[in-house]
Protein backbone atom coordinates (compact mmCIF):
# COMPACT_ATOMS: atom_id res chain seq x y z
CA UNK A 1 44.25 -7.26 15.02
CA UNK A 2 46.83 -4.28 15.64
CA UNK A 3 45.30 -2.03 18.26
CA UNK A 4 46.26 0.94 16.10
CA UNK A 5 44.39 -0.18 13.26
CA UNK A 6 41.19 -1.12 15.49
CA UNK A 7 41.63 2.67 16.77
CA UNK A 8 41.52 3.88 13.14
CA UNK A 9 38.48 1.59 12.32
CA UNK A 10 36.62 2.84 15.38
CA UNK A 11 37.39 6.40 14.57
CA UNK A 12 36.11 5.77 11.05
CA UNK A 13 33.16 4.08 12.22
CA UNK A 14 32.41 7.15 14.66
CA UNK A 15 32.80 9.95 12.03
CA UNK A 16 30.65 7.74 9.90
CA UNK A 17 27.89 7.49 12.43
CA UNK A 18 28.09 11.15 12.98
CA UNK A 19 27.93 12.12 9.31
CA UNK A 20 24.80 9.92 8.86
CA UNK A 21 23.06 11.68 11.82
CA UNK A 22 24.02 14.93 10.52
CA UNK A 23 22.88 14.05 6.83
CA UNK A 24 19.70 12.69 7.96
CA UNK A 25 18.81 15.35 10.54
CA UNK A 26 20.35 18.59 8.88
CA UNK A 27 21.86 17.93 5.52
CA UNK A 28 19.20 15.87 3.75
CA UNK A 29 16.22 18.20 4.54
CA UNK A 30 18.47 21.15 3.61
CA UNK A 31 19.67 19.81 0.44
CA UNK A 32 16.01 19.00 -0.51
CA UNK A 33 14.91 22.49 0.28
CA UNK A 34 17.51 24.28 -1.53
CA UNK A 35 17.20 22.31 -4.48
CA UNK A 36 13.13 22.79 -4.77
CA UNK A 37 14.17 26.51 -4.45
CA UNK A 38 16.82 26.27 -7.34
CA UNK A 39 14.44 24.33 -9.47
CA UNK A 40 11.81 27.09 -9.26
CA UNK A 41 14.46 29.55 -9.95
CA UNK A 42 15.31 27.69 -12.80
CA UNK A 43 11.75 27.67 -14.14
CA UNK A 44 11.51 31.22 -13.64
CA UNK A 45 14.78 32.16 -15.33
CA UNK A 46 14.92 33.18 -18.76
CA UNK A 47 16.55 30.96 -21.35
CA UNK A 48 18.38 34.35 -22.51
CA UNK A 49 19.59 34.69 -18.96
CA UNK A 50 22.70 32.56 -19.55
CA UNK A 51 24.58 34.00 -16.40
CA UNK A 52 21.53 33.50 -14.41
CA UNK A 53 21.22 29.90 -15.32
CA UNK A 54 24.86 29.37 -15.17
CA UNK A 55 24.66 30.57 -11.42
CA UNK A 56 21.75 28.13 -10.71
CA UNK A 57 24.02 25.42 -12.31
CA UNK A 58 26.96 26.37 -10.02
CA UNK A 59 24.75 26.22 -7.05
CA UNK A 60 23.51 22.80 -7.82
CA UNK A 61 27.17 21.70 -8.56
CA UNK A 62 28.11 22.94 -4.96
CA UNK A 63 24.97 21.06 -3.25
CA UNK A 64 25.89 17.87 -5.16
CA UNK A 65 29.57 18.02 -4.04
CA UNK A 66 28.45 18.66 -0.45
CA UNK A 67 26.32 15.57 -0.41
CA UNK A 68 28.90 13.60 -2.25
CA UNK A 69 31.17 14.64 0.92
CA UNK A 70 28.72 13.54 3.31
CA UNK A 71 28.01 10.29 1.62
CA UNK A 72 32.02 9.53 1.64
CA UNK A 73 32.33 9.73 5.18
CA UNK A 74 29.00 7.96 5.74
CA UNK A 75 30.35 4.95 3.51
CA UNK A 76 33.87 4.95 4.73
CA UNK A 77 32.19 4.55 8.27
CA UNK A 78 30.20 1.67 6.96
CA UNK A 79 33.28 -0.03 5.31
CA UNK A 80 35.27 0.19 8.58
CA UNK A 81 32.42 -1.27 10.30
CA UNK A 82 32.21 -4.28 7.87
CA UNK A 83 36.19 -4.49 8.35
CA UNK A 84 36.09 -4.55 11.88
CA UNK A 85 33.32 -7.10 12.03
CA UNK A 86 35.33 -9.22 9.73
CA UNK A 87 38.38 -9.12 11.66
CA UNK A 88 36.75 -9.78 14.90
CA UNK A 89 35.38 -13.12 13.34
CA UNK A 90 38.74 -14.39 12.64
């Protein structure tokens, strides 16, 4: 395997591990807490308060986007690990 490819895979693995660590110890608890807060706010918001409900939805969308971005880094790292181990066997 070309060293530059191996270096890129190693970089992807490293970023994936860092993202997994950050997700497990910071983002996941943060997202869980914020989603609970937003759910309570949703329950307490009148159906007539369309702007308030839309703001809650926008915040949920932002949290979901953040989580998806973290999962992308984590999954990219996992795929790089598989690629590197598969190439090492050959």
